[in-house]
Amino acid sequence: MKCNEARRMVVPFVKKELSEQDTEAFLAHIETCEDCMDELDIYFIAYHALNAMDQGTHHEYDFKKMLHEEIRSARRSIIRHKIAKASHIILILLAELLLVFSLLMGVRMKQGLSGDTIFERAILRMYMRQRDHITEELESETSGETEIESEIETEMMTKPK
């Protein structure tokens, strides 16, 4: 920022009419430019001394201390605003990540419930093979029992009483 621009901002700064962006640029300039800082100092003292006289209060003021406090307050306000912006952006990103995570987990849960996963299909095949094998064994045992029963019956019939 050039001195001409900074000097045009002295009055709006003292009256607290500058935007946050302009205030930040103005404060950065007056930190490095003694001439502009002196002009700010003079105008600040004149403005607040006239206001005190208009209000009828005639106390002793430390205008330099008031100016430095005003500058510190403006800097704190800028920092708080930047932190709030950053926090807002971070919260939005976290919400988006949570939404994506929830969607992915929902899809996985749906796949798990419908048996669409490879692992579940493999378990189902193994279960069906085992069931078929047990069924075959039971059928062969049952057919073997009926053969034995029929042999016993024929023997009993052929034996004389």
N, C-alpha and C. Protein backbone atom coordinates (compact mmCIF):
# COMPACT_ATOMS: atom_id res chain seq x y z
N MET A 1 0.85 -1.17 0.00
CA MET A 1 0.00 0.00 0.00
C MET A 1 0.89 1.23 0.00
N LYS A 2 0.49 2.21 -0.75
CA LYS A 2 1.25 3.46 -0.82
C LYS A 2 0.74 4.43 0.24
N CYS A 3 1.57 5.41 0.56
CA CYS A 3 1.23 6.38 1.61
C CYS A 3 -0.04 7.16 1.28
N ASN A 4 -0.24 7.50 0.02
CA ASN A 4 -1.46 8.25 -0.36
C ASN A 4 -2.72 7.47 -0.01
N GLU A 5 -2.70 6.17 -0.31
CA GLU A 5 -3.86 5.32 0.02
C GLU A 5 -4.04 5.24 1.53
N ALA A 6 -2.94 5.06 2.24
CA ALA A 6 -3.01 4.96 3.70
C ALA A 6 -3.54 6.24 4.32
N ARG A 7 -3.11 7.38 3.83
CA ARG A 7 -3.57 8.66 4.38
C ARG A 7 -5.08 8.86 4.15
N ARG A 8 -5.57 8.34 3.04
CA ARG A 8 -7.02 8.42 2.79
C ARG A 8 -7.80 7.52 3.74
N MET A 9 -7.15 6.53 4.31
CA MET A 9 -7.82 5.60 5.22
C MET A 9 -7.73 6.00 6.69
N VAL A 10 -6.98 7.04 7.01
CA VAL A 10 -6.81 7.45 8.41
C VAL A 10 -8.16 7.79 9.04
N VAL A 11 -8.91 8.66 8.42
CA VAL A 11 -10.21 9.09 8.98
C VAL A 11 -11.18 7.90 9.08
N PRO A 12 -11.37 7.13 8.02
CA PRO A 12 -12.28 5.98 8.15
C PRO A 12 -11.82 4.98 9.23
N PHE A 13 -10.49 4.82 9.42
CA PHE A 13 -10.01 3.92 10.46
C PHE A 13 -10.40 4.44 11.84
N VAL A 14 -10.17 5.71 12.08
CA VAL A 14 -10.50 6.29 13.39
C VAL A 14 -12.00 6.21 13.65
N LYS A 15 -12.80 6.39 12.61
CA LYS A 15 -14.25 6.33 12.76
C LYS A 15 -14.79 4.89 12.68
N LYS A 16 -13.88 3.92 12.52
CA LYS A 16 -14.21 2.49 12.43
C LYS A 16 -15.15 2.22 11.26
N GLU A 17 -14.80 2.79 10.12
CA GLU A 17 -15.61 2.63 8.90
C GLU A 17 -14.91 1.80 7.83
N LEU A 18 -13.72 1.31 8.11
CA LEU A 18 -12.98 0.51 7.12
C LEU A 18 -13.47 -0.94 7.14
N SER A 19 -13.40 -1.55 5.97
CA SER A 19 -13.69 -2.98 5.91
C SER A 19 -12.54 -3.74 6.58
N GLU A 20 -12.76 -4.99 6.84
CA GLU A 20 -11.72 -5.81 7.49
C GLU A 20 -10.48 -5.90 6.61
N GLN A 21 -10.68 -6.07 5.33
CA GLN A 21 -9.56 -6.19 4.39
C GLN A 21 -8.76 -4.89 4.34
N ASP A 22 -9.47 -3.76 4.26
CA ASP A 22 -8.78 -2.47 4.23
C ASP A 22 -8.07 -2.19 5.56
N THR A 23 -8.71 -2.56 6.66
CA THR A 23 -8.10 -2.36 7.98
C THR A 23 -6.80 -3.14 8.08
N GLU A 24 -6.82 -4.37 7.60
CA GLU A 24 -5.61 -5.21 7.66
C GLU A 24 -4.49 -4.60 6.82
N ALA A 25 -4.80 -4.14 5.63
CA ALA A 25 -3.78 -3.51 4.77
C ALA A 25 -3.28 -2.21 5.39
N PHE A 26 -4.19 -1.43 5.96
CA PHE A 26 -3.82 -0.16 6.59
C PHE A 26 -2.89 -0.40 7.78
N LEU A 27 -3.23 -1.37 8.64
CA LEU A 27 -2.39 -1.66 9.81
C LEU A 27 -1.01 -2.16 9.39
N ALA A 28 -0.96 -2.95 8.33
CA ALA A 28 0.33 -3.44 7.84
C ALA A 28 1.20 -2.27 7.36
N HIS A 29 0.57 -1.28 6.74
CA HIS A 29 1.32 -0.12 6.24
C HIS A 29 1.83 0.76 7.38
N ILE A 30 0.97 1.05 8.34
CA ILE A 30 1.40 1.98 9.40
C ILE A 30 2.45 1.36 10.32
N GLU A 31 2.57 0.04 10.32
CA GLU A 31 3.63 -0.61 11.11
C GLU A 31 5.00 -0.28 10.54
N THR A 32 5.07 -0.04 9.25
CA THR A 32 6.37 0.19 8.61
C THR A 32 6.60 1.64 8.19
N CYS A 33 5.56 2.46 8.25
CA CYS A 33 5.69 3.85 7.78
C CYS A 33 5.44 4.81 8.94
N GLU A 34 6.51 5.45 9.40
CA GLU A 34 6.40 6.37 10.54
C GLU A 34 5.58 7.61 10.19
N ASP A 35 5.69 8.11 8.98
CA ASP A 35 4.94 9.31 8.59
C ASP A 35 3.43 9.06 8.67
N CYS A 36 2.98 7.93 8.15
CA CYS A 36 1.55 7.62 8.18
C CYS A 36 1.09 7.35 9.62
N MET A 37 1.96 6.72 10.42
CA MET A 37 1.62 6.48 11.82
C MET A 37 1.49 7.81 12.57
N ASP A 38 2.38 8.75 12.29
CA ASP A 38 2.28 10.07 12.92
C ASP A 38 0.99 10.78 12.52
N GLU A 39 0.63 10.69 11.26
CA GLU A 39 -0.61 11.31 10.81
C GLU A 39 -1.81 10.68 11.50
N LEU A 40 -1.81 9.35 11.62
CA LEU A 40 -2.88 8.65 12.33
C LEU A 40 -2.94 9.11 13.78
N ASP A 41 -1.78 9.22 14.41
CA ASP A 41 -1.69 9.65 15.80
C ASP A 41 -2.30 11.04 15.99
N ILE A 42 -1.93 11.96 15.13
CA ILE A 42 -2.44 13.34 15.22
C ILE A 42 -3.95 13.38 15.02
N TYR A 43 -4.43 12.69 13.99
CA TYR A 43 -5.86 12.73 13.72
C TYR A 43 -6.64 12.04 14.84
N PHE A 44 -6.13 10.92 15.35
CA PHE A 44 -6.81 10.19 16.43
C PHE A 44 -6.96 11.09 17.66
N ILE A 45 -5.86 11.77 18.04
CA ILE A 45 -5.90 12.66 19.20
C ILE A 45 -6.90 13.79 18.98
N ALA A 46 -6.86 14.42 17.82
CA ALA A 46 -7.77 15.53 17.52
C ALA A 46 -9.22 15.07 17.54
N TYR A 47 -9.49 13.94 16.92
CA TYR A 47 -10.87 13.42 16.83
C TYR A 47 -11.44 13.13 18.21
N HIS A 48 -10.68 12.39 19.02
CA HIS A 48 -11.18 11.99 20.34
C HIS A 48 -11.19 13.16 21.33
N ALA A 49 -10.25 14.11 21.20
CA ALA A 49 -10.25 15.29 22.07
C ALA A 49 -11.48 16.15 21.77
N LEU A 50 -11.81 16.32 20.49
CA LEU A 50 -13.00 17.11 20.12
C LEU A 50 -14.28 16.42 20.60
N ASN A 51 -14.33 15.09 20.49
CA ASN A 51 -15.51 14.35 20.97
C ASN A 51 -15.66 14.51 22.48
N ALA A 52 -14.54 14.47 23.21
CA ALA A 52 -14.60 14.64 24.67
C ALA A 52 -15.10 16.03 25.02
N MET A 53 -14.66 17.02 24.27
CA MET A 53 -15.11 18.40 24.54
C MET A 53 -16.59 18.56 24.21
N ASP A 54 -17.04 17.93 23.10
CA ASP A 54 -18.45 18.01 22.73
C ASP A 54 -19.35 17.36 23.78
N GLN A 55 -18.86 16.31 24.40
CA GLN A 55 -19.64 15.60 25.41
C GLN A 55 -19.56 16.29 26.77
N GLY A 56 -18.69 17.25 26.88
CA GLY A 56 -18.55 17.98 28.13
C GLY A 56 -17.72 17.28 29.17
N THR A 57 -16.98 16.25 28.77
CA THR A 57 -16.10 15.56 29.72
C THR A 57 -14.70 16.10 29.55
N HIS A 58 -14.12 16.51 30.65
CA HIS A 58 -12.77 17.09 30.58
C HIS A 58 -11.83 16.30 31.47
N HIS A 59 -11.68 15.04 31.16
CA HIS A 59 -10.75 14.19 31.88
C HIS A 59 -9.41 14.20 31.17
N GLU A 60 -8.44 13.75 31.87
CA GLU A 60 -7.13 13.61 31.21
C GLU A 60 -7.10 12.25 30.53
N TYR A 61 -6.81 12.26 29.26
CA TYR A 61 -6.77 11.03 28.48
C TYR A 61 -5.35 10.78 28.02
N ASP A 62 -5.02 9.49 27.92
CA ASP A 62 -3.75 9.09 27.32
C ASP A 62 -4.09 8.63 25.90
N PHE A 63 -4.12 9.60 24.98
CA PHE A 63 -4.57 9.31 23.61
C PHE A 63 -3.64 8.34 22.89
N LYS A 64 -2.35 8.41 23.18
CA LYS A 64 -1.42 7.46 22.54
C LYS A 64 -1.75 6.04 22.97
N LYS A 65 -2.00 5.87 24.25
CA LYS A 65 -2.37 4.55 24.77
C LYS A 65 -3.70 4.10 24.15
N MET A 66 -4.66 5.02 24.03
CA MET A 66 -5.95 4.69 23.42
C MET A 66 -5.77 4.26 21.97
N LEU A 67 -4.90 4.95 21.24
CA LEU A 67 -4.65 4.59 19.84
C LEU A 67 -4.04 3.20 19.74
N HIS A 68 -3.05 2.92 20.57
CA HIS A 68 -2.42 1.59 20.53
C HIS A 68 -3.42 0.50 20.93
N GLU A 69 -4.29 0.82 21.85
CA GLU A 69 -5.33 -0.14 22.23
C GLU A 69 -6.32 -0.35 21.07
N GLU A 70 -6.63 0.70 20.37
CA GLU A 70 -7.51 0.61 19.21
C GLU A 70 -6.88 -0.25 18.11
N ILE A 71 -5.58 -0.06 17.88
CA ILE A 71 -4.87 -0.86 16.88
C ILE A 71 -4.86 -2.33 17.29
N ARG A 72 -4.55 -2.61 18.57
CA ARG A 72 -4.55 -4.00 19.06
C ARG A 72 -5.93 -4.63 18.92
N SER A 73 -6.94 -3.86 19.24
CA SER A 73 -8.31 -4.37 19.13
C SER A 73 -8.66 -4.71 17.68
N ALA A 74 -8.25 -3.85 16.76
CA ALA A 74 -8.51 -4.11 15.34
C ALA A 74 -7.78 -5.37 14.88
N ARG A 75 -6.57 -5.55 15.33
CA ARG A 75 -5.81 -6.76 14.95
C ARG A 75 -6.47 -8.02 15.51
N ARG A 76 -6.89 -7.95 16.78
CA ARG A 76 -7.56 -9.11 17.39
C ARG A 76 -8.84 -9.45 16.64
N SER A 77 -9.56 -8.42 16.26
CA SER A 77 -10.80 -8.65 15.52
C SER A 77 -10.53 -9.34 14.18
N ILE A 78 -9.48 -8.91 13.50
CA ILE A 78 -9.11 -9.53 12.22
C ILE A 78 -8.72 -10.99 12.44
N ILE A 79 -7.93 -11.25 13.47
CA ILE A 79 -7.50 -12.63 13.75
C ILE A 79 -8.70 -13.51 14.10
N ARG A 80 -9.60 -13.00 14.94
CA ARG A 80 -10.79 -13.78 15.30
C ARG A 80 -11.63 -14.11 14.07
N HIS A 81 -11.74 -13.13 13.19
CA HIS A 81 -12.53 -13.35 11.98
C HIS A 81 -11.88 -14.40 11.08
N LYS A 82 -10.56 -14.37 10.97
CA LYS A 82 -9.85 -15.37 10.16
C LYS A 82 -10.00 -16.76 10.77
N ILE A 83 -9.91 -16.85 12.09
CA ILE A 83 -10.08 -18.14 12.77
C ILE A 83 -11.50 -18.66 12.55
N ALA A 84 -12.48 -17.78 12.64
CA ALA A 84 -13.87 -18.19 12.41
C ALA A 84 -14.05 -18.71 10.99
N LYS A 85 -13.45 -18.03 10.01
CA LYS A 85 -13.55 -18.49 8.61
C LYS A 85 -12.91 -19.86 8.45
N ALA A 86 -11.71 -20.02 9.02
CA ALA A 86 -11.01 -21.30 8.91
C ALA A 86 -11.80 -22.41 9.60
N SER A 87 -12.34 -22.12 10.77
CA SER A 87 -13.15 -23.12 11.49
C SER A 87 -14.37 -23.51 10.67
N HIS A 88 -14.99 -22.54 10.06
CA HIS A 88 -16.17 -22.81 9.23
C HIS A 88 -15.81 -23.74 8.07
N ILE A 89 -14.71 -23.47 7.42
CA ILE A 89 -14.27 -24.31 6.29
C ILE A 89 -13.94 -25.72 6.78
N ILE A 90 -13.25 -25.82 7.90
CA ILE A 90 -12.90 -27.13 8.45
C ILE A 90 -14.15 -27.92 8.82
N LEU A 91 -15.12 -27.27 9.44
CA LEU A 91 -16.36 -27.95 9.80
C LEU A 91 -17.11 -28.44 8.57
N ILE A 92 -17.12 -27.65 7.52
CA ILE A 92 -17.79 -28.08 6.29
C ILE A 92 -17.08 -29.30 5.70
N LEU A 93 -15.75 -29.27 5.68
CA LEU A 93 -15.00 -30.42 5.16
C LEU A 93 -15.25 -31.67 6.00
N LEU A 94 -15.26 -31.52 7.32
CA LEU A 94 -15.53 -32.67 8.18
C LEU A 94 -16.93 -33.22 7.96
N ALA A 95 -17.90 -32.34 7.78
CA ALA A 95 -19.27 -32.79 7.52
C ALA A 95 -19.34 -33.55 6.20
N GLU A 96 -18.64 -33.06 5.19
CA GLU A 96 -18.63 -33.75 3.90
C GLU A 96 -17.96 -35.11 4.01
N LEU A 97 -16.86 -35.19 4.75
CA LEU A 97 -16.19 -36.48 4.95
C LEU A 97 -17.09 -37.45 5.70
N LEU A 98 -17.78 -36.97 6.70
CA LEU A 98 -18.70 -37.82 7.46
C LEU A 98 -19.83 -38.33 6.57
N LEU A 99 -20.33 -37.47 5.71
CA LEU A 99 -21.38 -37.87 4.78
C LEU A 99 -20.89 -38.95 3.82
N VAL A 100 -19.72 -38.77 3.25
CA VAL A 100 -19.15 -39.77 2.34
C VAL A 100 -18.92 -41.09 3.08
N PHE A 101 -18.37 -41.02 4.28
CA PHE A 101 -18.14 -42.23 5.08
C PHE A 101 -19.45 -42.94 5.36
N SER A 102 -20.49 -42.18 5.73
CA SER A 102 -21.80 -42.78 6.01
C SER A 102 -22.37 -43.46 4.78
N LEU A 103 -22.23 -42.81 3.63
CA LEU A 103 -22.74 -43.41 2.40
C LEU A 103 -22.00 -44.72 2.08
N LEU A 104 -20.68 -44.71 2.22
CA LEU A 104 -19.91 -45.93 1.94
C LEU A 104 -20.28 -47.05 2.91
N MET A 105 -20.45 -46.72 4.17
CA MET A 105 -20.82 -47.75 5.15
C MET A 105 -22.22 -48.27 4.87
N GLY A 106 -23.12 -47.40 4.44
CA GLY A 106 -24.47 -47.83 4.10
C GLY A 106 -24.47 -48.80 2.93
N VAL A 107 -23.66 -48.53 1.93
CA VAL A 107 -23.55 -49.43 0.77
C VAL A 107 -22.98 -50.77 1.20
N ARG A 108 -21.96 -50.74 2.03
CA ARG A 108 -21.36 -52.01 2.49
C ARG A 108 -22.33 -52.81 3.33
N MET A 109 -23.08 -52.14 4.18
CA MET A 109 -24.06 -52.85 5.01
C MET A 109 -25.14 -53.47 4.14
N LYS A 110 -25.57 -52.75 3.13
CA LYS A 110 -26.59 -53.28 2.23
C LYS A 110 -26.06 -54.51 1.51
N GLN A 111 -24.83 -54.47 1.07
CA GLN A 111 -24.23 -55.64 0.41
C GLN A 111 -24.16 -56.80 1.37
N GLY A 112 -23.80 -56.54 2.59
CA GLY A 112 -23.69 -57.61 3.58
C GLY A 112 -25.02 -58.24 3.89
N LEU A 113 -26.10 -57.47 3.96
CA LEU A 113 -27.41 -57.99 4.29
C LEU A 113 -28.00 -58.78 3.14
N SER A 114 -27.71 -58.44 1.91
CA SER A 114 -28.29 -59.14 0.77
C SER A 114 -27.44 -60.32 0.32
N GLY A 115 -26.32 -60.57 0.93
CA GLY A 115 -25.48 -61.70 0.58
C GLY A 115 -24.71 -61.49 -0.70
N ASP A 116 -24.49 -60.29 -1.10
CA ASP A 116 -23.82 -59.99 -2.35
C ASP A 116 -22.30 -60.04 -2.25
N THR A 117 -21.77 -60.17 -1.06
CA THR A 117 -20.32 -60.15 -0.95
C THR A 117 -19.75 -61.51 -1.34
N ILE A 118 -18.54 -61.52 -1.81
CA ILE A 118 -17.87 -62.75 -2.25
C ILE A 118 -17.73 -63.72 -1.09
N PHE A 119 -17.37 -63.20 0.05
CA PHE A 119 -17.16 -64.04 1.23
C PHE A 119 -18.45 -64.77 1.61
N GLU A 120 -19.55 -64.06 1.62
CA GLU A 120 -20.83 -64.69 1.99
C GLU A 120 -21.27 -65.73 0.96
N ARG A 121 -21.01 -65.45 -0.32
CA ARG A 121 -21.36 -66.43 -1.35
C ARG A 121 -20.55 -67.71 -1.19
N ALA A 122 -19.27 -67.59 -0.84
CA ALA A 122 -18.42 -68.77 -0.64
C ALA A 122 -18.92 -69.59 0.55
N ILE A 123 -19.29 -68.92 1.62
CA ILE A 123 -19.81 -69.64 2.80
C ILE A 123 -21.11 -70.36 2.45
N LEU A 124 -21.97 -69.69 1.69
CA LEU A 124 -23.23 -70.29 1.29
C LEU A 124 -23.00 -71.54 0.43
N ARG A 125 -22.04 -71.50 -0.50
CA ARG A 125 -21.72 -72.67 -1.33
C ARG A 125 -21.22 -73.83 -0.47
N MET A 126 -20.33 -73.52 0.48
CA MET A 126 -19.81 -74.58 1.36
C MET A 126 -20.94 -75.20 2.17
N TYR A 127 -21.84 -74.40 2.67
CA TYR A 127 -22.97 -74.90 3.45
C TYR A 127 -23.84 -75.81 2.59
N MET A 128 -24.11 -75.38 1.35
CA MET A 128 -24.98 -76.18 0.47
C MET A 128 -24.33 -77.51 0.10
N ARG A 129 -23.02 -77.51 -0.14
CA ARG A 129 -22.31 -78.76 -0.44
C ARG A 129 -22.37 -79.73 0.75
N GLN A 130 -22.15 -79.21 1.93
CA GLN A 130 -22.19 -80.04 3.13
C GLN A 130 -23.60 -80.60 3.33
N ARG A 131 -24.61 -79.81 3.11
CA ARG A 131 -26.00 -80.27 3.25
C ARG A 131 -26.31 -81.37 2.25
N ASP A 132 -25.87 -81.18 1.00
CA ASP A 132 -26.11 -82.19 -0.03
C ASP A 132 -25.40 -83.49 0.33
N HIS A 133 -24.17 -83.40 0.86
CA HIS A 133 -23.41 -84.58 1.24
C HIS A 133 -24.11 -85.34 2.38
N ILE A 134 -24.60 -84.62 3.37
CA ILE A 134 -25.30 -85.26 4.49
C ILE A 134 -26.58 -85.91 4.01
N THR A 135 -27.28 -85.26 3.10
CA THR A 135 -28.52 -85.82 2.56
C THR A 135 -28.24 -87.12 1.81
N GLU A 136 -27.17 -87.16 1.02
CA GLU A 136 -26.80 -88.37 0.29
C GLU A 136 -26.47 -89.50 1.26
N GLU A 137 -25.74 -89.19 2.33
CA GLU A 137 -25.39 -90.23 3.31
C GLU A 137 -26.64 -90.80 3.98
N LEU A 138 -27.57 -89.92 4.34
CA LEU A 138 -28.80 -90.38 4.98
C LEU A 138 -29.60 -91.26 4.03
N GLU A 139 -29.65 -90.89 2.77
CA GLU A 139 -30.39 -91.69 1.79
C GLU A 139 -29.74 -93.06 1.60
N SER A 140 -28.39 -93.08 1.57
CA SER A 140 -27.72 -94.37 1.40
C SER A 140 -27.90 -95.25 2.63
N GLU A 141 -27.88 -94.66 3.81
CA GLU A 141 -28.12 -95.43 5.03
C GLU A 141 -29.54 -95.97 5.06
N THR A 142 -30.48 -95.19 4.65
CA THR A 142 -31.87 -95.60 4.65
C THR A 142 -32.09 -96.71 3.64
N SER A 143 -31.49 -96.62 2.48
CA SER A 143 -31.65 -97.67 1.48
C SER A 143 -30.96 -98.94 1.95
N GLY A 144 -29.84 -98.83 2.67
CA GLY A 144 -29.15 -100.00 3.22
C GLY A 144 -29.99 -100.67 4.27
N GLU A 145 -30.69 -99.94 5.09
CA GLU A 145 -31.55 -100.50 6.13
C GLU A 145 -32.71 -101.26 5.51
N THR A 146 -33.27 -100.75 4.46
CA THR A 146 -34.40 -101.43 3.82
C THR A 146 -33.95 -102.73 3.17
N GLU A 147 -32.74 -102.80 2.65
CA GLU A 147 -32.23 -104.04 2.07
C GLU A 147 -32.05 -105.09 3.16
N ILE A 148 -31.54 -104.69 4.30
CA ILE A 148 -31.34 -105.62 5.42
C ILE A 148 -32.68 -106.12 5.92
N GLU A 149 -33.63 -105.22 6.05
CA GLU A 149 -34.97 -105.60 6.51
C GLU A 149 -35.61 -106.61 5.55
N SER A 150 -35.45 -106.39 4.28
CA SER A 150 -36.05 -107.31 3.31
C SER A 150 -35.36 -108.68 3.34
N GLU A 151 -34.06 -108.73 3.57
CA GLU A 151 -33.35 -110.00 3.69
C GLU A 151 -33.82 -110.77 4.92
N ILE A 152 -34.01 -110.07 6.02
CA ILE A 152 -34.47 -110.70 7.26
C ILE A 152 -35.87 -111.28 7.03
N GLU A 153 -36.70 -110.55 6.37
CA GLU A 153 -38.06 -111.01 6.12
C GLU A 153 -38.05 -112.28 5.24
N THR A 154 -37.20 -112.29 4.22
CA THR A 154 -37.14 -113.47 3.36
C THR A 154 -36.61 -114.68 4.12
N GLU A 155 -35.67 -114.47 4.98
CA GLU A 155 -35.14 -115.57 5.78
C GLU A 155 -36.19 -116.11 6.72
N MET A 156 -36.93 -115.25 7.28
CA MET A 156 -37.97 -115.67 8.22
C MET A 156 -39.05 -116.44 7.51
N MET A 157 -39.31 -116.08 6.34
CA MET A 157 -40.34 -116.77 5.59
C MET A 157 -39.87 -118.12 5.10
N THR A 158 -38.61 -118.19 4.80
CA THR A 158 -38.09 -119.45 4.29
C THR A 158 -37.80 -120.45 5.38
N LYS A 159 -37.64 -120.06 6.57
CA LYS A 159 -37.36 -120.96 7.69
C LYS A 159 -38.67 -121.67 8.06
N PRO A 160 -38.51 -122.93 8.30
CA PRO A 160 -39.70 -123.65 8.75
C PRO A 160 -39.99 -123.36 10.23
N LYS A 161 -41.21 -123.34 10.50
CA LYS A 161 -41.64 -123.06 11.86
C LYS A 161 -41.75 -124.31 12.64
